[in-house]
């Protein structure tokens, strides 16, 4: 029971990092068409998000690989959920003969 709480906190932290990373990516992609320097915006956003997430993984890990693994599972779980929410319109893809 004593090891369950740190793993639950690692999962929650991974989900938070995933929301930060993929939410930031979504915002960046939405701003690209109107950006004066889209390449600079893309690179700045990527390295900023990457730096925060890697530092977050490092803090959560705390020299326990199990926490890192659970944190990564939370991170990827958020990715799956957000792709389903923000992904391509399934009905439009089915109407054009493409498989969803």
Protein backbone atom coordinates (compact mmCIF):
# COMPACT_ATOMS: atom_id res chain seq x y z
CA UNK A 1 0.00 0.00 0.00
CA UNK A 2 2.91 2.33 0.71
CA UNK A 3 4.13 2.14 -2.90
CA UNK A 4 0.67 2.64 -4.43
CA UNK A 5 0.39 6.35 -3.60
CA UNK A 6 3.62 7.39 -5.39
CA UNK A 7 2.53 5.42 -8.46
CA UNK A 8 -0.88 7.09 -8.47
CA UNK A 9 0.80 10.48 -8.16
CA UNK A 10 3.16 9.55 -11.01
CA UNK A 11 0.17 8.59 -13.18
CA UNK A 12 -1.55 11.88 -12.39
CA UNK A 13 1.65 13.82 -13.11
CA UNK A 14 2.03 11.98 -16.43
CA UNK A 15 -1.51 12.91 -17.38
CA UNK A 16 -0.83 16.54 -16.49
CA UNK A 17 2.37 16.54 -18.54
CA UNK A 18 0.47 14.98 -21.44
CA UNK A 19 -2.22 17.65 -21.29
CA UNK A 20 0.48 20.33 -21.22
CA UNK A 21 2.47 18.83 -24.11
CA UNK A 22 -0.34 17.89 -26.47
CA UNK A 23 -2.47 20.91 -25.58
CA UNK A 24 0.49 23.12 -26.37
CA UNK A 25 1.01 21.29 -29.64
CA UNK A 26 -2.65 21.80 -30.53
CA UNK A 27 -2.43 25.52 -29.78
CA UNK A 28 0.77 25.84 -31.80
CA UNK A 29 -0.73 24.12 -34.84
CA UNK A 30 -3.77 26.38 -34.67
CA UNK A 31 -1.56 29.50 -34.62
CA UNK A 32 0.74 28.44 -37.49
CA UNK A 33 -1.39 29.80 -40.37
CA UNK A 34 -1.38 33.33 -38.92
CA UNK A 35 2.17 33.36 -37.52
CA UNK A 36 4.68 35.77 -39.04
CA UNK A 37 7.49 33.24 -38.53
CA UNK A 38 5.91 29.76 -38.41
CA UNK A 39 9.21 27.87 -38.39
CA UNK A 40 10.42 29.84 -35.37
CA UNK A 41 7.10 29.30 -33.61
CA UNK A 42 7.26 25.55 -34.29
CA UNK A 43 10.82 25.19 -33.02
CA UNK A 44 10.28 27.38 -29.96
CA UNK A 45 7.11 25.52 -29.05
CA UNK A 46 8.71 22.11 -29.56
CA UNK A 47 11.80 22.78 -27.49
CA UNK A 48 9.81 24.55 -24.78
CA UNK A 49 7.31 21.71 -24.45
CA UNK A 50 10.05 19.09 -24.64
CA UNK A 51 12.13 20.77 -21.96
CA UNK A 52 9.21 21.06 -19.53
CA UNK A 53 8.08 17.47 -20.09
CA UNK A 54 11.57 15.96 -19.77
CA UNK A 55 12.19 17.94 -16.58
CA UNK A 56 8.80 16.78 -15.29
CA UNK A 57 9.65 13.14 -16.03
CA UNK A 58 12.96 13.58 -14.24
CA UNK A 59 11.29 15.04 -11.15
CA UNK A 60 8.57 12.38 -11.06
CA UNK A 61 11.06 9.55 -11.53
CA UNK A 62 13.12 10.33 -8.45
CA UNK A 63 15.47 7.37 -9.20
CA UNK A 64 12.54 4.91 -9.40
CA UNK A 65 12.05 3.49 -12.90
CA UNK A 66 8.57 2.26 -11.97
CA UNK A 67 7.39 5.84 -11.43
CA UNK A 68 8.83 6.86 -14.78
CA UNK A 69 7.02 4.01 -16.51
CA UNK A 70 3.68 4.86 -14.88
CA UNK A 71 4.19 8.55 -15.67
CA UNK A 72 4.86 7.69 -19.31
CA UNK A 73 1.70 5.55 -19.41
CA UNK A 74 -0.34 8.51 -18.15
CA UNK A 75 1.32 10.76 -20.73
CA UNK A 76 0.53 8.38 -23.60
CA UNK A 77 -2.97 7.72 -22.27
CA UNK A 78 -3.75 11.42 -22.56
CA UNK A 79 -2.43 11.35 -26.11
CA UNK A 80 -4.85 8.57 -27.05
CA UNK A 81 -7.78 10.44 -25.48
CA UNK A 82 -6.91 13.76 -27.14
CA UNK A 83 -6.45 12.17 -30.56
CA UNK A 84 -9.95 10.74 -30.25
CA UNK A 85 -11.34 14.11 -29.16
CA UNK A 86 -9.40 16.38 -31.52
CA UNK A 87 -8.68 13.92 -34.35
CA UNK A 88 -10.06 14.06 -37.85
CA UNK A 89 -13.81 14.07 -38.32
CA UNK A 90 -14.81 10.41 -38.65
CA UNK A 91 -18.06 11.05 -40.53
CA UNK A 92 -16.30 13.13 -43.21
CA UNK A 93 -13.66 10.40 -43.67
CA UNK A 94 -16.36 7.72 -44.06
CA UNK A 95 -18.27 9.79 -46.62
CA UNK A 96 -15.26 10.04 -48.94
CA UNK A 97 -14.59 6.32 -49.01
CA UNK A 98 -11.63 6.42 -46.65
CA UNK A 99 -11.46 4.08 -43.70
CA UNK A 100 -11.54 5.69 -40.26
